[in-house]
N, C-alpha and C. Protein backbone atom coordinates (compact mmCIF):
# COMPACT_ATOMS: atom_id res chain seq x y z
N MET A 1 -3.27 -4.43 -13.98
CA MET A 1 -1.69 -4.38 -14.27
C MET A 1 -1.85 -3.69 -15.75
N ARG A 2 -2.80 -4.10 -16.55
CA ARG A 2 -2.49 -3.35 -17.73
C ARG A 2 -3.16 -1.95 -17.62
N ILE A 3 -3.97 -1.29 -16.77
CA ILE A 3 -4.61 -0.28 -16.37
C ILE A 3 -3.31 0.71 -15.87
N LEU A 4 -2.25 -0.14 -15.10
CA LEU A 4 -1.39 0.60 -14.38
C LEU A 4 -0.26 1.11 -15.73
N CYS A 5 -0.03 0.04 -16.65
CA CYS A 5 1.16 0.40 -17.65
C CYS A 5 0.45 1.44 -18.27
N PHE A 6 -1.24 1.24 -18.66
CA PHE A 6 -1.69 2.57 -19.46
C PHE A 6 -1.29 3.89 -19.36
N PHE A 7 -1.70 3.77 -17.32
CA PHE A 7 -1.96 5.20 -16.98
C PHE A 7 -0.24 5.63 -17.04
N MET A 8 0.85 4.74 -16.77
CA MET A 8 2.48 5.17 -16.88
C MET A 8 2.75 5.64 -18.26
N ALA A 9 2.13 4.90 -19.01
CA ALA A 9 2.44 5.28 -20.59
C ALA A 9 1.86 6.83 -20.88
N LEU A 10 0.45 6.68 -20.43
CA LEU A 10 -0.23 8.14 -20.78
C LEU A 10 0.52 9.13 -20.15
N PHE A 11 1.31 8.60 -18.89
CA PHE A 11 2.03 9.93 -18.15
C PHE A 11 3.14 10.46 -18.87
N PHE A 12 4.05 9.41 -19.73
CA PHE A 12 5.16 9.92 -20.45
C PHE A 12 4.58 10.47 -21.65
N ILE A 13 3.54 10.05 -22.15
CA ILE A 13 3.30 10.49 -23.67
C ILE A 13 2.64 11.79 -23.78
N LEU A 14 1.53 12.24 -22.82
CA LEU A 14 1.12 13.49 -22.79
C LEU A 14 2.04 14.65 -22.67
N PRO A 15 3.18 14.60 -21.57
CA PRO A 15 3.99 15.74 -21.63
C PRO A 15 4.49 16.08 -23.01
N ALA A 16 5.20 15.07 -23.56
CA ALA A 16 5.64 15.08 -24.98
C ALA A 16 4.49 16.24 -25.82
N TYR A 17 3.33 15.65 -25.91
CA TYR A 17 2.42 16.73 -26.67
C TYR A 17 2.26 18.03 -26.12
N ALA A 18 2.14 17.69 -24.90
CA ALA A 18 2.02 19.09 -24.07
C ALA A 18 3.07 20.26 -24.69
N GLN A 19 4.59 19.72 -24.80
CA GLN A 19 5.55 20.31 -25.01
C GLN A 19 5.35 20.87 -26.82
N GLU A 20 4.60 20.26 -27.45
CA GLU A 20 4.59 20.54 -28.80
C GLU A 20 3.64 21.76 -28.83
N GLU A 21 2.63 21.27 -28.05
CA GLU A 21 1.25 22.63 -28.16
C GLU A 21 1.80 23.84 -27.55
N GLN A 22 2.83 23.72 -26.51
CA GLN A 22 2.69 25.05 -25.46
C GLN A 22 4.15 25.24 -25.72
N PRO A 23 4.78 26.70 -25.82
CA PRO A 23 5.95 27.13 -26.20
C PRO A 23 6.73 27.15 -24.53
N ALA A 24 7.74 26.73 -23.95
CA ALA A 24 8.36 27.08 -22.98
C ALA A 24 7.70 26.65 -21.92
N ALA A 25 7.60 25.25 -21.58
CA ALA A 25 6.71 24.96 -20.57
C ALA A 25 7.50 25.16 -19.50
N GLN A 26 7.20 25.33 -18.00
CA GLN A 26 8.01 25.50 -17.21
C GLN A 26 8.01 23.82 -16.22
N PRO A 27 9.25 23.65 -15.89
CA PRO A 27 9.96 22.76 -15.43
C PRO A 27 9.47 22.25 -14.16
N GLN A 28 8.78 21.04 -14.15
CA GLN A 28 8.31 20.66 -12.49
C GLN A 28 9.09 20.38 -11.44
N PRO A 29 9.17 20.86 -10.32
CA PRO A 29 10.04 20.57 -9.18
C PRO A 29 10.09 19.25 -8.69
N GLU A 30 11.25 18.92 -8.57
CA GLU A 30 11.75 17.68 -8.45
C GLU A 30 11.23 17.41 -7.07
N THR A 31 10.50 16.49 -6.74
CA THR A 31 10.22 15.64 -5.39
C THR A 31 10.60 14.03 -5.48
N PRO A 32 10.17 13.87 -4.02
CA PRO A 32 10.16 12.37 -4.25
C PRO A 32 9.40 11.31 -4.94
N ILE A 33 8.37 11.85 -5.34
CA ILE A 33 7.57 11.24 -6.36
C ILE A 33 8.23 11.12 -7.70
N THR A 34 8.63 12.36 -8.21
CA THR A 34 9.22 12.61 -9.92
C THR A 34 10.22 11.76 -10.04
N LYS A 35 10.91 11.85 -8.68
CA LYS A 35 12.86 11.11 -8.69
C LYS A 35 12.38 9.44 -8.69
N TRP A 36 11.27 8.94 -7.83
CA TRP A 36 11.00 7.74 -7.99
C TRP A 36 10.21 7.50 -9.17
N MET A 37 9.49 8.08 -9.89
CA MET A 37 8.65 7.68 -11.31
C MET A 37 9.77 7.56 -12.28
N ALA A 38 11.10 8.68 -12.19
CA ALA A 38 12.02 8.60 -13.23
C ALA A 38 12.74 7.38 -13.07
N ALA A 39 13.12 6.94 -12.00
CA ALA A 39 13.94 6.03 -11.88
C ALA A 39 13.35 4.74 -12.07
N GLU A 40 12.16 4.47 -11.61
CA GLU A 40 11.75 3.20 -12.06
C GLU A 40 10.99 3.21 -13.44
N SER A 41 10.97 3.96 -14.32
CA SER A 41 10.86 3.92 -15.32
C SER A 41 12.14 3.49 -15.95
N ALA A 42 13.14 3.96 -15.63
CA ALA A 42 14.19 3.82 -16.27
C ALA A 42 14.50 2.00 -16.04
N VAL A 43 14.14 1.91 -14.92
CA VAL A 43 14.48 0.20 -14.67
C VAL A 43 13.56 -0.45 -15.48
N VAL A 44 12.29 -0.07 -15.53
CA VAL A 44 11.59 -1.05 -16.52
C VAL A 44 11.87 -0.95 -17.71
N ALA A 45 12.41 0.07 -18.25
CA ALA A 45 12.37 0.49 -19.71
C ALA A 45 13.00 -0.60 -20.12
N GLY A 46 14.41 -1.43 -19.51
CA GLY A 46 14.85 -2.46 -20.33
C GLY A 46 14.29 -3.77 -19.79
N LEU A 47 13.03 -3.97 -19.47
CA LEU A 47 12.61 -5.15 -19.36
C LEU A 47 11.35 -5.88 -20.45
N ASP A 48 11.14 -7.00 -20.53
CA ASP A 48 10.58 -7.57 -21.35
C ASP A 48 9.05 -7.44 -20.95
N ASP A 49 8.11 -7.83 -21.23
CA ASP A 49 6.73 -7.68 -20.70
C ASP A 49 6.85 -8.61 -19.61
N GLN A 50 7.31 -9.74 -19.56
CA GLN A 50 7.18 -10.60 -18.44
C GLN A 50 7.63 -10.02 -17.57
N GLY A 51 8.92 -9.64 -17.74
CA GLY A 51 9.62 -8.85 -16.52
C GLY A 51 9.13 -7.65 -16.15
N LYS A 52 8.51 -6.96 -17.08
CA LYS A 52 7.75 -5.90 -16.23
C LYS A 52 6.55 -6.20 -15.33
N GLU A 53 6.10 -7.15 -15.71
CA GLU A 53 4.70 -7.83 -14.99
C GLU A 53 5.35 -8.42 -13.38
N THR A 54 6.19 -9.21 -13.61
CA THR A 54 6.91 -9.54 -12.29
C THR A 54 7.35 -8.73 -11.60
N TYR A 55 7.91 -7.73 -12.02
CA TYR A 55 8.48 -6.12 -11.26
C TYR A 55 7.30 -5.59 -10.53
N PHE A 56 6.27 -5.52 -11.64
CA PHE A 56 5.00 -4.64 -10.70
C PHE A 56 4.33 -5.35 -9.98
N ILE A 57 4.09 -6.68 -10.21
CA ILE A 57 3.59 -7.69 -8.98
C ILE A 57 4.07 -7.44 -7.83
N LEU A 58 5.44 -7.42 -7.92
CA LEU A 58 6.08 -7.54 -6.67
C LEU A 58 5.97 -6.46 -5.82
N ARG A 59 6.18 -5.25 -6.76
CA ARG A 59 6.20 -3.75 -5.91
C ARG A 59 4.87 -3.42 -5.84
N ASN A 60 3.59 -3.96 -6.13
CA ASN A 60 2.53 -3.90 -5.57
C ASN A 60 2.04 -4.26 -4.31
N LYS A 61 2.33 -5.97 -4.50
CA LYS A 61 2.62 -6.49 -2.85
C LYS A 61 3.08 -5.76 -2.15
N TYR A 62 4.20 -4.86 -2.60
CA TYR A 62 5.06 -4.33 -1.70
C TYR A 62 4.22 -3.16 -0.73
N GLY A 63 3.65 -2.32 -1.69
CA GLY A 63 2.60 -1.13 -1.46
C GLY A 63 1.38 -1.42 -0.94
N LEU A 64 1.21 -2.97 -1.03
CA LEU A 64 -0.46 -3.29 -0.55
C LEU A 64 -0.13 -3.39 1.12
N ILE A 65 1.12 -4.26 1.48
CA ILE A 65 1.39 -4.60 2.66
C ILE A 65 1.81 -3.37 3.62
N ARG A 66 2.58 -2.27 2.78
CA ARG A 66 2.39 -0.95 3.30
C ARG A 66 1.24 -0.05 3.77
N ALA A 67 0.50 -0.29 2.90
CA ALA A 67 -0.94 0.22 2.90
C ALA A 67 -1.66 -0.39 4.14
N ILE A 68 -1.63 -1.73 4.51
CA ILE A 68 -2.10 -2.21 5.30
C ILE A 68 -1.76 -2.05 6.60
N ARG A 69 -0.51 -1.85 6.69
CA ARG A 69 0.16 -1.79 8.14
C ARG A 69 -0.37 0.05 8.59
N ILE A 70 -0.45 0.93 7.07
CA ILE A 70 -0.87 2.38 7.70
C ILE A 70 -2.21 2.48 7.84
N VAL A 71 -3.31 1.30 7.58
CA VAL A 71 -4.57 1.40 7.99
C VAL A 71 -4.42 0.87 9.30
N LYS A 72 -3.77 -0.07 9.81
CA LYS A 72 -3.77 -0.67 10.95
C LYS A 72 -3.18 -0.06 12.07
N LYS A 73 -2.51 1.10 11.55
CA LYS A 73 -1.87 2.31 12.59
C LYS A 73 -2.74 3.38 12.57
N ASP A 74 -3.51 3.84 11.63
CA ASP A 74 -4.66 4.61 11.83
C ASP A 74 -5.92 4.17 12.54
N VAL A 75 -6.16 3.12 12.13
CA VAL A 75 -7.30 2.57 12.95
C VAL A 75 -6.85 2.35 14.44
N GLY A 76 -5.71 1.86 14.99
CA GLY A 76 -5.35 2.13 16.13
C GLY A 76 -5.11 3.21 16.79
N LYS A 77 -5.00 4.44 16.13
CA LYS A 77 -4.66 5.90 16.54
C LYS A 77 -6.45 6.23 16.91
N ALA A 78 -7.31 5.96 15.76
CA ALA A 78 -8.70 5.86 16.11
C ALA A 78 -9.31 5.06 17.34
N VAL A 79 -8.93 4.58 17.85
CA VAL A 79 -9.44 3.36 18.45
C VAL A 79 -8.94 4.12 19.95
N GLN A 80 -7.96 4.61 19.94
CA GLN A 80 -7.19 5.44 21.23
C GLN A 80 -8.20 6.06 21.48
N GLU A 81 -8.36 7.27 20.30
CA GLU A 81 -8.62 8.36 20.54
C GLU A 81 -10.07 8.39 20.74
N CYS A 82 -10.57 7.36 20.06
CA CYS A 82 -12.43 7.03 20.73
C CYS A 82 -12.23 6.50 22.04
N GLY A 83 -11.59 5.95 22.55
CA GLY A 83 -11.55 5.35 23.89
C GLY A 83 -11.22 6.40 24.96
N GLN A 84 -10.61 7.77 24.37
CA GLN A 84 -10.09 8.58 25.48
C GLN A 84 -11.38 9.37 25.66
N ALA A 85 -12.34 10.11 24.26
CA ALA A 85 -13.30 10.60 24.30
C ALA A 85 -14.67 9.91 24.71
N ASN A 86 -14.56 8.59 24.71
CA ASN A 86 -15.86 8.00 25.11
C ASN A 86 -15.65 7.15 25.99
N PRO A 87 -15.36 6.90 27.06
CA PRO A 87 -14.57 6.09 28.43
C PRO A 87 -15.70 4.90 28.24
N ASP A 88 -17.03 5.03 27.84
CA ASP A 88 -17.61 3.76 28.20
C ASP A 88 -17.64 2.86 27.13
N MET A 89 -16.98 3.50 25.84
CA MET A 89 -16.63 2.59 24.86
C MET A 89 -15.21 1.96 25.16
N GLN A 90 -14.43 2.40 25.50
CA GLN A 90 -13.08 2.20 25.46
C GLN A 90 -12.90 0.46 25.81
N ASP A 91 -12.91 0.04 26.36
CA ASP A 91 -12.96 -1.70 26.43
C ASP A 91 -13.33 -2.17 25.50
N GLN A 92 -14.64 -2.38 25.10
CA GLN A 92 -15.20 -2.52 24.05
C GLN A 92 -14.28 -2.25 22.35
N MET A 93 -14.03 -1.36 22.66
CA MET A 93 -13.21 -0.64 20.90
C MET A 93 -11.66 -1.08 20.95
N HIS A 94 -11.11 -1.23 22.28
CA HIS A 94 -9.73 -1.79 22.67
C HIS A 94 -9.74 -3.55 22.38
N THR A 95 -10.79 -4.21 22.91
CA THR A 95 -11.04 -5.75 22.70
C THR A 95 -11.24 -5.89 21.11
N ARG A 96 -11.84 -5.03 20.80
CA ARG A 96 -12.42 -5.71 19.23
C ARG A 96 -11.23 -5.23 18.18
N TYR A 97 -10.47 -4.07 18.81
CA TYR A 97 -9.27 -3.90 17.80
C TYR A 97 -7.93 -4.73 18.12
N ASN A 98 -7.94 -5.33 19.25
CA ASN A 98 -6.80 -6.32 19.08
C ASN A 98 -7.38 -7.83 18.61
N ALA A 99 -8.44 -7.96 18.68
CA ALA A 99 -8.91 -9.21 17.96
C ALA A 99 -8.95 -9.32 16.34
N TRP A 100 -9.14 -7.79 15.72
CA TRP A 100 -9.04 -7.58 14.48
C TRP A 100 -7.49 -7.70 14.16
N THR A 101 -6.53 -7.08 15.04
CA THR A 101 -5.21 -7.31 14.70
C THR A 101 -4.48 -8.60 14.92
N ASP A 102 -5.06 -9.25 15.89
CA ASP A 102 -4.80 -10.78 15.88
C ASP A 102 -4.97 -11.41 14.92
N SER A 103 -6.29 -10.82 14.11
CA SER A 103 -6.38 -11.73 12.82
C SER A 103 -5.61 -11.65 11.46
N VAL A 104 -5.39 -10.09 11.36
CA VAL A 104 -4.61 -9.74 10.24
C VAL A 104 -3.25 -9.84 10.58
N ASP A 105 -2.11 -9.86 11.91
CA ASP A 105 -0.97 -9.60 12.05
C ASP A 105 -0.28 -11.15 11.58
N PRO A 106 -0.92 -12.16 11.93
CA PRO A 106 -0.17 -13.63 10.98
C PRO A 106 -0.14 -13.39 9.62
N ILE A 107 -1.31 -13.08 9.08
CA ILE A 107 -1.16 -13.22 7.85
C ILE A 107 -0.04 -12.23 7.14
N LEU A 108 -0.21 -10.96 7.46
CA LEU A 108 0.59 -9.96 7.36
C LEU A 108 2.20 -10.29 7.38
N ARG A 109 2.45 -10.81 8.18
CA ARG A 109 3.84 -11.25 9.11
C ARG A 109 4.18 -12.28 7.60
N THR A 110 3.37 -13.51 7.30
CA THR A 110 3.64 -14.52 6.48
C THR A 110 3.76 -13.78 5.25
N ALA A 111 3.14 -12.91 4.64
CA ALA A 111 3.14 -12.19 3.59
C ALA A 111 4.49 -11.39 3.31
N GLU A 112 4.72 -10.73 4.33
CA GLU A 112 5.89 -10.00 4.53
C GLU A 112 7.29 -10.66 3.66
N SER A 113 7.34 -12.10 4.91
CA SER A 113 8.24 -12.92 4.76
C SER A 113 8.26 -13.78 3.33
N TYR A 114 6.83 -14.06 2.69
CA TYR A 114 7.53 -14.63 1.49
C TYR A 114 7.59 -13.57 0.42
N LEU A 115 6.89 -12.46 1.00
CA LEU A 115 7.61 -11.41 -0.50
C LEU A 115 8.61 -11.28 -0.47
N LYS A 116 9.65 -11.09 0.72
CA LYS A 116 11.26 -10.81 0.97
C LYS A 116 11.95 -11.77 0.05
N GLN A 117 11.51 -13.13 0.26
CA GLN A 117 11.66 -14.49 -0.50
C GLN A 117 11.59 -14.20 -2.10
N GLU A 118 10.35 -13.85 -2.38
CA GLU A 118 10.06 -13.36 -3.60
C GLU A 118 11.09 -12.41 -4.56
N ILE A 119 11.18 -11.48 -3.77
CA ILE A 119 12.14 -10.58 -4.47
C ILE A 119 13.52 -10.76 -4.43
N LYS A 120 14.27 -11.60 -3.13
CA LYS A 120 15.36 -12.40 -3.67
C LYS A 120 15.55 -13.65 -4.49
N GLN A 121 14.25 -14.03 -4.88
CA GLN A 121 14.41 -15.05 -6.14
C GLN A 121 14.21 -14.27 -7.31
N GLN A 122 13.62 -13.37 -7.63
CA GLN A 122 13.39 -13.03 -8.88
C GLN A 122 14.62 -12.56 -9.39
N THR A 123 14.51 -12.66 -10.82
CA THR A 123 15.67 -12.57 -11.71
C THR A 123 15.43 -11.41 -12.50
N VAL A 124 14.44 -10.71 -12.64
CA VAL A 124 14.56 -9.50 -13.54
C VAL A 124 14.94 -8.04 -13.25
N VAL A 125 15.12 -8.16 -12.39
CA VAL A 125 15.91 -6.72 -11.79
C VAL A 125 16.97 -7.31 -10.66
N GLU A 126 18.19 -6.41 -10.92
CA GLU A 126 19.27 -6.71 -9.81
C GLU A 126 18.51 -6.40 -8.37
N LEU A 127 18.75 -7.22 -7.48
CA LEU A 127 18.43 -7.09 -5.76
C LEU A 127 18.81 -6.02 -5.63
N GLY A 128 19.77 -5.27 -5.33
CA GLY A 128 19.90 -4.10 -4.90
C GLY A 128 19.15 -2.67 -5.82
N THR A 129 19.09 -2.85 -6.85
CA THR A 129 18.19 -1.67 -7.91
C THR A 129 17.05 -2.04 -6.98
N PHE A 130 16.35 -3.31 -7.47
CA PHE A 130 14.87 -3.42 -6.72
C PHE A 130 14.76 -3.18 -5.10
N MET A 131 15.91 -2.80 -4.55
CA MET A 131 15.66 -2.75 -2.92
C MET A 131 15.46 -0.73 -3.37
N ASP A 132 16.42 -0.32 -3.87
CA ASP A 132 16.38 1.10 -4.34
C ASP A 132 15.01 1.55 -4.72
N MET A 133 14.53 0.87 -5.46
CA MET A 133 13.17 1.02 -6.12
C MET A 133 12.05 1.32 -5.31
N LEU A 134 12.29 0.51 -4.12
CA LEU A 134 11.38 0.16 -2.98
C LEU A 134 11.54 1.24 -1.83
N ASP A 135 12.93 1.67 -1.83
CA ASP A 135 13.26 2.69 -0.50
C ASP A 135 12.60 4.11 -1.25
N MET A 136 12.71 4.41 -2.51
CA MET A 136 12.31 5.46 -3.12
C MET A 136 10.75 5.64 -3.48
N ASN A 137 10.18 4.22 -3.60
CA ASN A 137 8.59 4.13 -3.35
C ASN A 137 8.23 4.45 -1.70
N ASP A 138 8.81 4.10 -0.91
CA ASP A 138 8.44 4.42 0.48
C ASP A 138 8.50 6.08 0.65
N GLU A 139 9.54 6.54 0.21
CA GLU A 139 9.74 8.27 0.30
C GLU A 139 8.86 8.93 -0.56
N ALA A 140 8.47 8.60 -1.67
CA ALA A 140 7.56 9.02 -2.28
C ALA A 140 6.08 9.13 -1.53
N TYR A 141 5.64 7.67 -1.01
CA TYR A 141 4.71 7.73 -0.32
C TYR A 141 4.65 8.37 0.54
N ASP A 142 5.49 8.89 1.69
CA ASP A 142 5.51 9.51 2.78
C ASP A 142 5.45 11.08 2.27
N PHE A 143 6.24 11.20 1.53
CA PHE A 143 5.88 12.90 0.77
C PHE A 143 4.62 13.18 0.59
N GLN A 144 4.03 12.11 0.02
CA GLN A 144 2.45 12.19 -0.48
C GLN A 144 1.64 12.35 1.00
N GLN A 145 1.71 11.22 1.96
CA GLN A 145 1.16 11.45 3.05
C GLN A 145 1.41 12.48 3.91
N ALA A 146 2.49 13.20 4.02
CA ALA A 146 2.84 14.38 4.52
C ALA A 146 1.90 15.56 4.31
N ALA A 147 1.22 15.57 3.18
CA ALA A 147 0.29 16.61 2.94
C ALA A 147 -0.92 16.47 3.04
N ILE A 148 -1.38 15.26 3.59
CA ILE A 148 -2.69 14.97 4.29
C ILE A 148 -2.83 14.98 5.68
N ASP A 149 -3.61 15.66 6.42
CA ASP A 149 -3.99 16.01 7.40
C ASP A 149 -5.06 15.16 8.02
N LYS A 150 -4.67 14.02 9.09
CA LYS A 150 -5.69 12.87 9.02
C LYS A 150 -6.25 13.22 10.72
N LYS A 151 -7.35 13.67 10.77
CA LYS A 151 -8.28 14.07 11.94
C LYS A 151 -9.10 13.06 12.03
N VAL A 152 -9.23 12.41 13.34
CA VAL A 152 -10.08 11.77 14.02
C VAL A 152 -11.32 12.10 14.58
N VAL A 153 -12.55 11.64 14.01
CA VAL A 153 -13.59 12.11 14.49
C VAL A 153 -14.27 11.16 15.77
N THR A 154 -14.45 11.89 16.81
CA THR A 154 -14.50 10.87 18.13
C THR A 154 -16.15 10.93 18.76
N THR A 155 -16.87 11.53 17.76
CA THR A 155 -18.08 11.30 18.31
C THR A 155 -18.44 10.05 18.94
N PRO A 156 -19.60 9.80 19.68
CA PRO A 156 -20.03 8.16 19.58
C PRO A 156 -20.31 7.75 18.37
N GLU A 157 -21.19 8.53 17.70
CA GLU A 157 -21.74 7.70 16.36
C GLU A 157 -20.24 7.61 15.91
N ALA A 158 -19.48 8.16 15.39
CA ALA A 158 -18.24 7.95 14.28
C ALA A 158 -17.78 6.89 14.91
N CYS A 159 -17.48 6.73 16.40
CA CYS A 159 -16.91 5.59 17.12
C CYS A 159 -17.40 4.19 17.06
N ASN A 160 -18.77 4.31 16.89
CA ASN A 160 -19.60 3.16 16.81
C ASN A 160 -19.58 2.78 15.20
N LYS A 161 -19.27 3.47 14.74
CA LYS A 161 -19.47 3.14 12.87
C LYS A 161 -18.15 2.59 12.95
N LEU A 162 -17.07 3.10 13.39
CA LEU A 162 -15.22 2.31 13.05
C LEU A 162 -15.59 0.70 13.89
N LEU A 163 -16.22 0.80 14.96
CA LEU A 163 -16.40 -0.66 15.78
C LEU A 163 -16.81 -1.48 14.90
N LEU A 164 -18.14 -0.87 14.05
CA LEU A 164 -18.69 -1.89 13.51
C LEU A 164 -18.16 -2.21 11.78
N SER A 165 -17.26 -1.17 11.57
CA SER A 165 -16.46 -1.45 10.35
C SER A 165 -15.29 -2.63 10.70
N MET A 166 -14.81 -2.90 11.99
CA MET A 166 -14.13 -3.64 11.87
C MET A 166 -14.66 -5.04 11.87
N ASP A 167 -15.74 -4.93 12.46
CA ASP A 167 -16.66 -6.24 12.22
C ASP A 167 -17.12 -6.72 10.94
N ARG A 168 -17.15 -5.67 10.08
CA ARG A 168 -17.66 -5.81 8.48
C ARG A 168 -16.53 -5.78 7.94
N THR A 169 -15.25 -5.62 8.04
CA THR A 169 -14.37 -5.73 7.46
C THR A 169 -12.89 -6.76 7.48
N GLU A 170 -13.03 -6.94 8.75
CA GLU A 170 -12.21 -8.31 8.72
C GLU A 170 -12.11 -9.34 8.06
N GLU A 171 -13.01 -9.54 7.81
CA GLU A 171 -12.69 -11.36 6.72
C GLU A 171 -12.61 -10.82 5.43
N ASP A 172 -13.05 -9.45 5.24
CA ASP A 172 -12.63 -9.27 3.59
C ASP A 172 -11.35 -9.00 3.46
N MET A 173 -10.86 -8.52 4.62
CA MET A 173 -9.19 -7.82 4.67
C MET A 173 -8.46 -9.09 4.48
N LEU A 174 -9.04 -10.19 5.41
CA LEU A 174 -8.19 -11.15 5.32
C LEU A 174 -7.95 -12.20 3.95
N ARG A 175 -9.28 -12.10 3.60
CA ARG A 175 -9.31 -12.62 2.07
C ARG A 175 -8.61 -11.83 1.03
N LEU A 176 -8.46 -10.57 0.99
CA LEU A 176 -7.75 -9.97 0.30
C LEU A 176 -6.25 -9.99 0.20
N MET A 177 -5.85 -10.15 1.51
CA MET A 177 -4.33 -10.23 1.79
C MET A 177 -4.24 -11.70 1.41
N GLN A 178 -4.78 -12.83 1.66
CA GLN A 178 -4.36 -14.02 1.26
C GLN A 178 -4.54 -14.27 -0.33
N ALA A 179 -5.62 -13.44 -1.12
CA ALA A 179 -5.67 -13.65 -2.45
C ALA A 179 -4.42 -12.84 -3.09
N VAL A 180 -4.32 -11.89 -2.68
CA VAL A 180 -3.02 -10.61 -3.30
C VAL A 180 -1.69 -11.04 -2.71
N LEU A 181 -1.53 -11.14 -1.20
CA LEU A 181 -0.02 -11.01 -0.96
C LEU A 181 0.42 -12.41 -0.67
N LEU A 182 0.00 -13.50 -0.76
CA LEU A 182 0.46 -14.78 -0.43
C LEU A 182 0.60 -15.80 -1.70
N PRO A 183 1.93 -16.27 -1.51
CA PRO A 183 2.11 -17.25 -2.65
C PRO A 183 0.58 -17.85 -2.56
N GLU A 184 0.55 -18.56 -4.33
CA GLU A 184 -0.74 -19.24 -4.71
C GLU A 184 -0.86 -20.58 -4.08
N SER A 185 0.69 -20.99 -3.80
CA SER A 185 0.80 -22.44 -3.04
C SER A 185 0.14 -22.49 -1.51
N LEU A 186 0.26 -21.05 -1.12
CA LEU A 186 -0.17 -21.17 0.55
C LEU A 186 -1.34 -20.03 0.80
N ILE A 187 -2.31 -20.22 -0.35
CA ILE A 187 -3.67 -19.44 -0.01
C ILE A 187 -4.41 -20.63 1.16
N ARG A 188 -4.88 -19.87 2.02
CA ARG A 188 -5.30 -20.88 3.08
C ARG A 188 -6.89 -20.68 3.07
N GLN A 189 -7.85 -21.76 3.75
CA GLN A 189 -9.10 -21.91 3.58
C GLN A 189 -9.54 -20.61 4.23
N GLU A 190 -10.71 -20.24 3.68
CA GLU A 190 -11.57 -19.07 4.42
C GLU A 190 -11.51 -19.25 5.99
N PRO A 191 -10.61 -17.73 6.65
CA PRO A 191 -10.62 -17.68 8.00
C PRO A 191 -11.62 -18.15 8.60
N ARG A 192 -11.58 -18.28 10.06
CA ARG A 192 -12.66 -18.28 11.35
C ARG A 192 -12.53 -17.03 11.64
N ASN A 193 -13.80 -16.65 12.33
CA ASN A 193 -13.89 -15.50 13.26
C ASN A 193 -13.81 -16.29 14.57
């Protein structure tokens, strides 16, 4: 949290120094990222330290849930393409992916439900404004992701690595989600495979 605040502060301080050192800097084009950053800066500027911490914890939980959903979608696409390119691996890939999502989905749904409650119950930012910030965050994320060309490598070796990564990462992903996303009162015991 402190690191994020440091980088945000650095982001706003450095342009001021740059303007002093350079004559007539060119204005940056407005993008969903710059719009979101400006709007969020305005929202958190009026908050005390505890309010800022609450806001950023909830916003980061929201971002983590979105990231997990994107990983799930990307892994699903890779499983599909690997199965098409390597028919002998198709059943094993789909079976493992289904087991992986069956483990992740219930915790993800629970985390989303509790995050919605936490956002509604927080009192540091008006609910409509908070939701606007999350919508702008989504637009900024989508804008950034549109510039990334994701290609799936479907060699047997790459697909086997994907299969093995689902084995290795499932338990770690579940622990991360439990530790970060769920309210402390609902953190579960270590999941079973």
